[in-house]
Protein backbone atom coordinates (compact mmCIF):
# COMPACT_ATOMS: atom_id res chain seq x y z
CA UNK A 1 107.35 120.24 112.57
CA UNK A 2 105.53 122.94 110.63
CA UNK A 3 102.56 124.33 112.53
CA UNK A 4 101.03 122.86 115.67
CA UNK A 5 98.31 120.38 116.49
CA UNK A 6 96.43 123.10 118.36
CA UNK A 7 96.51 125.41 115.34
CA UNK A 8 95.34 122.68 112.95
CA UNK A 9 92.49 121.77 115.30
CA UNK A 10 91.43 125.41 115.63
CA UNK A 11 91.46 125.92 111.86
CA UNK A 12 89.35 122.81 111.31
CA UNK A 13 86.86 123.79 114.00
CA UNK A 14 86.27 127.09 112.21
CA UNK A 15 86.11 125.57 108.71
CA UNK A 16 82.94 124.81 106.76
CA UNK A 17 82.15 122.70 103.69
CA UNK A 18 85.30 120.59 104.00
CA UNK A 19 86.79 118.31 101.34
CA UNK A 20 89.56 115.87 102.32
CA UNK A 21 92.00 114.61 99.66
CA UNK A 22 93.96 111.35 99.70
CA UNK A 23 97.09 110.78 97.63
CA UNK A 24 97.74 108.97 94.36
CA UNK A 25 97.80 105.16 94.61
CA UNK A 26 96.18 105.44 98.06
CA UNK A 27 97.42 103.23 100.88
CA UNK A 28 96.01 102.46 104.29
CA UNK A 29 97.49 105.53 105.93
CA UNK A 30 96.07 108.16 103.60
CA UNK A 31 92.65 106.48 103.42
CA UNK A 32 92.46 105.63 107.11
CA UNK A 33 93.54 109.15 108.10
CA UNK A 34 91.02 110.75 105.75
CA UNK A 35 88.21 108.50 106.94
CA UNK A 36 88.89 109.16 110.62
CA UNK A 37 89.15 112.92 110.13
CA UNK A 38 85.95 113.05 108.09
CA UNK A 39 83.98 111.13 110.71
CA UNK A 40 85.36 113.31 113.51
CA UNK A 41 84.41 116.49 111.69
CA UNK A 42 80.92 115.15 111.11
CA UNK A 43 80.62 114.50 114.86
CA UNK A 44 81.23 118.23 115.26
CA UNK A 45 78.33 118.90 112.90
CA UNK A 46 80.56 119.83 109.98
CA UNK A 47 79.70 119.18 106.35
CA UNK A 48 82.76 117.08 105.46
CA UNK A 49 83.42 114.73 102.54
CA UNK A 50 86.16 112.54 101.12
CA UNK A 51 87.21 113.32 97.56
CA UNK A 52 86.80 110.41 95.12
CA UNK A 53 90.07 108.70 94.19
CA UNK A 54 89.99 106.74 90.94
CA UNK A 55 92.99 104.66 92.05
CA UNK A 56 91.37 103.33 95.22
CA UNK A 57 91.63 99.54 95.60
CA UNK A 58 88.94 97.18 96.80
CA UNK A 59 90.77 96.78 100.12
CA UNK A 60 90.09 100.38 101.12
CA UNK A 61 87.12 101.47 99.03
CA UNK A 62 84.67 100.98 101.92
CA UNK A 63 86.50 103.66 103.90
CA UNK A 64 86.28 106.22 101.10
CA UNK A 65 83.30 105.70 98.80
CA UNK A 66 80.45 106.17 101.33
CA UNK A 67 81.66 109.68 102.12
CA UNK A 68 81.93 111.06 98.59
CA UNK A 69 80.51 114.58 98.12
CA UNK A 70 77.11 115.01 96.59
CA UNK A 71 76.82 116.36 93.06
CA UNK A 72 77.33 120.10 93.01
CA UNK A 73 79.17 120.25 96.35
CA UNK A 74 81.54 123.22 96.34
CA UNK A 75 84.17 122.97 99.08
CA UNK A 76 85.23 126.07 100.93
CA UNK A 77 88.05 124.33 102.78
CA UNK A 78 90.37 121.65 101.33
CA UNK A 79 92.59 119.33 103.40
CA UNK A 80 95.24 116.84 102.28
CA UNK A 81 96.33 113.93 104.47
CA UNK A 82 99.57 111.99 103.96
CA UNK A 83 100.50 113.97 100.81
CA UNK A 84 104.18 114.89 100.74
CA UNK A 85 103.74 117.47 97.97
CA UNK A 86 101.27 118.70 95.35
CA UNK A 87 102.36 116.06 92.83
CA UNK A 88 100.81 113.38 95.06
CA UNK A 89 97.32 114.84 94.61
CA UNK A 90 95.31 112.65 92.18
CA UNK A 91 94.90 114.03 88.67
CA UNK A 92 91.11 114.15 88.99
CA UNK A 93 91.51 116.49 91.99
CA UNK A 94 94.19 118.65 90.36
CA UNK A 95 91.89 121.70 90.40
CA UNK A 96 92.54 121.94 94.15
CA UNK A 97 96.33 121.49 94.03
CA UNK A 98 97.08 125.21 94.26
CA UNK A 99 94.37 125.90 96.84
CA UNK A 100 95.08 123.59 99.78
CA UNK A 101 93.92 125.15 103.04
CA UNK A 102 95.47 122.60 105.40
CA UNK A 103 98.18 119.99 104.95
CA UNK A 104 98.47 117.18 107.51
CA UNK A 105 101.46 114.95 106.86
CA UNK A 106 104.39 113.02 108.32
CA UNK A 107 106.88 113.07 105.43
CA UNK A 108 110.10 114.81 106.42
CA UNK A 109 110.47 116.13 102.86
CA UNK A 110 107.20 118.06 103.06
CA UNK A 111 107.99 121.78 102.98
CA UNK A 112 104.39 122.84 103.54
CA UNK A 113 102.39 123.55 100.41
CA UNK A 114 99.15 124.57 102.11
CA UNK A 115 97.93 127.84 103.57
CA UNK A 116 98.22 126.05 106.93
CA UNK A 117 100.49 123.07 107.51
CA UNK A 118 100.91 120.42 110.17
CA UNK A 119 103.97 118.33 109.29
CA UNK A 120 105.41 116.02 111.96
CA UNK A 121 108.22 114.02 110.46
CA UNK A 122 108.87 112.08 113.65
CA UNK A 123 105.51 110.32 113.42
CA UNK A 124 105.45 106.86 111.88
CA UNK A 125 102.09 107.50 110.23
CA UNK A 126 99.86 110.40 109.31
CA UNK A 127 97.10 108.64 111.25
CA UNK A 128 98.96 109.32 114.51
CA UNK A 129 98.88 113.05 113.76
CA UNK A 130 95.22 112.91 112.80
CA UNK A 131 94.52 111.22 116.14
CA UNK A 132 96.18 114.13 117.94
CA UNK A 133 94.15 116.66 115.94
CA UNK A 134 90.87 114.85 116.56
CA UNK A 135 91.49 114.76 120.30
CA UNK A 136 92.53 118.43 120.25
CA UNK A 137 89.22 119.25 118.55
CA UNK A 138 87.48 117.67 121.54
CA UNK A 139 86.12 114.65 119.68
CA UNK A 140 86.23 111.35 121.56
CA UNK A 141 87.37 108.31 119.62
CA UNK A 142 84.60 105.84 118.89
CA UNK A 143 85.10 102.49 117.16
CA UNK A 144 84.39 103.92 113.69
CA UNK A 145 86.84 106.81 113.94
CA UNK A 146 89.43 104.61 115.64
CA UNK A 147 89.26 102.00 112.90
CA UNK A 148 90.65 104.43 110.32
CA UNK A 149 93.40 105.55 112.68
CA UNK A 150 94.37 101.97 113.50
CA UNK A 151 94.48 101.00 109.82
CA UNK A 152 96.69 103.98 109.04
CA UNK A 153 99.09 103.30 111.90
CA UNK A 154 99.30 99.56 111.29
CA UNK A 155 99.80 99.70 107.52
CA UNK A 156 102.52 102.37 107.59
CA UNK A 157 104.46 100.38 110.19
CA UNK A 158 104.02 96.93 108.64
CA UNK A 159 101.77 95.75 111.45
CA UNK A 160 104.03 97.54 113.95
CA UNK A 161 107.14 95.64 112.78
CA UNK A 162 109.02 98.35 110.86
CA UNK A 163 111.78 100.38 112.47
CA UNK A 164 109.70 103.56 112.21
CA UNK A 165 107.34 102.20 114.89
CA UNK A 166 107.60 104.29 118.06
CA UNK A 167 106.17 104.30 121.55
CA UNK A 168 103.68 106.87 120.32
CA UNK A 169 102.53 104.47 117.59
CA UNK A 170 101.72 101.88 120.22
CA UNK A 171 99.98 104.46 122.41
CA UNK A 172 97.76 105.48 119.50
CA UNK A 173 97.03 101.82 118.70
CA UNK A 174 96.11 101.23 122.35
CA UNK A 175 93.65 104.14 122.23
CA UNK A 176 92.03 102.55 119.20
CA UNK A 177 91.74 99.20 120.93
CA UNK A 178 90.22 100.91 123.96
CA UNK A 179 87.68 102.52 121.62
CA UNK A 180 86.51 99.08 120.47
CA UNK A 181 88.61 98.34 117.39
CA UNK A 182 89.24 94.66 116.65
CA UNK A 183 92.96 94.92 115.99
CA UNK A 184 93.44 91.21 115.51
CA UNK A 185 90.86 91.01 112.74
CA UNK A 186 92.19 94.11 110.99
CA UNK A 187 95.73 92.75 111.08
CA UNK A 188 94.59 89.36 109.81
CA UNK A 189 92.74 90.93 106.88
CA UNK A 190 95.54 93.33 105.97
CA UNK A 191 98.65 91.25 106.61
CA UNK A 192 97.78 87.55 106.63
CA UNK A 193 95.12 87.14 103.97
CA UNK A 194 96.45 86.92 100.39
CA UNK A 195 94.72 86.34 97.09
CA UNK A 196 95.86 83.55 94.80
CA UNK A 197 97.10 86.20 92.37
CA UNK A 198 99.31 87.63 95.13
CA UNK A 199 100.84 84.23 95.87
CA UNK A 200 101.54 83.68 92.17
CA UNK A 201 103.14 87.11 91.80
CA UNK A 202 105.33 86.50 94.86
CA UNK A 203 106.44 83.18 93.39
CA UNK A 204 107.47 84.93 90.17
CA UNK A 205 109.35 87.58 92.15
CA UNK A 206 111.38 85.09 94.16
CA UNK A 207 112.22 82.97 91.12
CA UNK A 208 113.39 85.93 89.02
CA UNK A 209 114.94 88.15 91.69
CA UNK A 210 118.41 89.49 90.94
CA UNK A 211 121.09 90.36 93.49
CA UNK A 212 123.90 92.88 93.50
CA UNK A 213 126.66 94.04 95.84
CA UNK A 214 127.23 90.54 97.28
CA UNK A 215 123.54 90.06 98.00
CA UNK A 216 122.97 93.36 99.78
CA UNK A 217 120.77 94.71 96.95
CA UNK A 218 117.79 92.69 95.71
CA UNK A 219 115.85 93.70 92.59
CA UNK A 220 112.35 92.41 91.92
CA UNK A 221 110.46 93.22 88.73
CA UNK A 222 106.70 92.98 88.23
CA UNK A 223 106.08 93.02 84.49
CA UNK A 224 102.86 93.90 82.73
CA UNK A 225 102.80 90.34 81.41
CA UNK A 226 103.01 88.90 84.93
CA UNK A 227 100.11 91.04 86.10
CA UNK A 228 98.04 90.00 83.09
CA UNK A 229 98.87 86.31 83.53
CA UNK A 230 97.97 86.24 87.22
CA UNK A 231 95.15 88.78 87.05
CA UNK A 232 96.84 90.74 89.85
CA UNK A 233 95.56 94.26 90.42
CA UNK A 234 96.94 97.03 92.62
CA UNK A 235 95.17 95.61 95.63
CA UNK A 236 97.03 92.32 95.15
CA UNK A 237 100.30 94.26 94.98
CA UNK A 238 99.70 96.15 98.21
CA UNK A 239 102.87 96.13 100.39
CA UNK A 240 104.63 93.73 98.01
CA UNK A 241 107.64 96.05 98.06
CA UNK A 242 108.60 94.56 101.42
CA UNK A 243 109.18 91.08 99.94
CA UNK A 244 112.83 91.51 98.77
CA UNK A 245 113.87 92.89 102.15
CA UNK A 246 112.71 89.66 103.81
CA UNK A 247 115.71 87.82 102.39
CA UNK A 248 118.63 87.38 104.76
CA UNK A 249 121.51 89.70 103.95
CA UNK A 250 119.47 92.12 101.86
CA UNK A 251 119.85 95.75 102.92
CA UNK A 252 118.10 97.38 99.94
CA UNK A 253 115.03 95.92 98.26
CA UNK A 254 114.14 97.50 94.91
CA UNK A 255 110.71 96.53 93.58
CA UNK A 256 109.89 97.82 90.11
CA UNK A 257 106.47 97.63 88.49
CA UNK A 258 105.88 98.22 84.79
CA UNK A 259 102.99 100.63 84.20
CA UNK A 260 100.61 100.65 81.27
CA UNK A 261 101.90 103.98 79.96
CA UNK A 262 105.48 102.71 79.70
CA UNK A 263 106.72 104.26 82.93
CA UNK A 264 108.17 102.21 85.78
CA UNK A 265 107.06 102.56 89.38
CA UNK A 266 109.84 101.97 91.91
CA UNK A 267 109.46 101.14 95.59
CA UNK A 268 112.52 101.03 97.84
CA UNK A 269 112.65 99.33 101.22
CA UNK A 270 115.81 99.30 103.30
CA UNK A 271 117.26 98.11 106.58
CA UNK A 272 118.90 100.48 109.06
CA UNK A 273 122.14 100.55 107.09
CA UNK A 274 120.74 102.54 104.13
CA UNK A 275 118.51 105.60 103.64
CA UNK A 276 115.72 104.73 101.19
CA UNK A 277 114.69 108.36 100.71
CA UNK A 278 118.25 109.28 99.71
CA UNK A 279 118.19 106.65 96.96
CA UNK A 280 114.87 107.88 95.59
CA UNK A 281 115.89 111.52 95.82
CA UNK A 282 118.61 110.81 93.26
CA UNK A 283 115.96 109.79 90.70
CA UNK A 284 113.41 112.49 91.50
CA UNK A 285 111.42 110.62 94.14
CA UNK A 286 111.24 110.70 97.91
CA UNK A 287 109.69 109.22 101.00
CA UNK A 288 110.82 107.96 104.37
CA UNK A 289 114.09 106.72 105.83
CA UNK A 290 113.24 103.04 105.30
CA UNK A 291 110.49 103.26 102.67
CA UNK A 292 110.50 105.51 99.62
CA UNK A 293 109.48 105.53 95.98
CA UNK A 294 109.62 107.16 92.58
CA UNK A 295 108.15 106.91 89.11
CA UNK A 296 110.70 106.74 86.31
CA UNK A 297 109.67 107.74 82.79
CA UNK A 298 111.48 104.87 81.09
CA UNK A 299 111.21 101.13 80.56
CA UNK A 300 112.03 98.68 83.32
CA UNK A 301 115.49 97.77 82.02
CA UNK A 302 116.61 101.40 82.13
CA UNK A 303 114.85 101.91 85.46
CA UNK A 304 116.78 99.00 86.99
CA UNK A 305 120.04 100.47 85.71
CA UNK A 306 119.24 103.89 87.19
CA UNK A 307 118.16 102.45 90.53
CA UNK A 308 121.26 100.30 90.90
CA UNK A 309 123.38 103.34 90.06
CA UNK A 310 121.50 105.50 92.59
CA UNK A 311 121.83 102.84 95.29
CA UNK A 312 125.56 102.50 94.70
CA UNK A 313 125.91 106.27 94.90
CA UNK A 314 124.21 106.30 98.29
CA UNK A 315 126.50 103.50 99.46
CA UNK A 316 129.38 105.73 98.34
CA UNK A 317 128.04 108.60 100.44
CA UNK A 318 126.59 110.69 97.62
CA UNK A 319 123.29 112.55 98.05
CA UNK A 320 121.00 114.57 95.82
């Protein structure tokens, strides 16, 4: 851990004109954490806003858009939530990348790129840390604040099913339920409801999936053509990286997505036998023990080759 919850809370209580940044390709944890922190700061009478994120999907836009800063707002204090490093800051917020006042994060790889840092790698989600900070600031959870925290905790643990889920995760979730959050409805919307485009994409993945190392490695590719044919957007692809790991015998699921600029986005999900972050570190990425990612500046065929090679190297005991 870098820094303390008490220090982060004290710094926030003394801050004014606060802007909170989410990361590139925002997920439920970064958006939920940002939303909860913003609402808590406003309860303290602070002028706090959420920075616009051009990559926000329709699933999470309601948590971000209503709290955008007004035209001409000049922040005096900038916070990042769930950002492992400066490269995760969206391009349209790059002007703040070298001037982060407080980093709140749970990625073990985070070395602390802010003036103040609160990094707790043992936490399953950034939302759990934000919950601690909010309570330390003396703000009671209400249903609105708790909703963001619950979304962050549930999405980063796969609805509390992933191995990163801890007793603390459940304690935080219980606090949210006590505050009035409808956990069942949130889980239904996030984990059970799928668009037709998502079903079609999943069908394509299963029919074209390739296996290596006697079925321990599964590779799924989402091509640009498949996305165009199904009409799938990034919201439809949310958490799709977990699909290959659902197959019996698979220890490493590699999900690659072709991007419009020719790059290939890679998401790695593993079982307890393999370190996902170690695989991604070998190709310039990073993340968590069981969930990590990278962006490779090459076409998908080359990206698959590199990822298979990196995975085999990790099996052989090699690290970055």
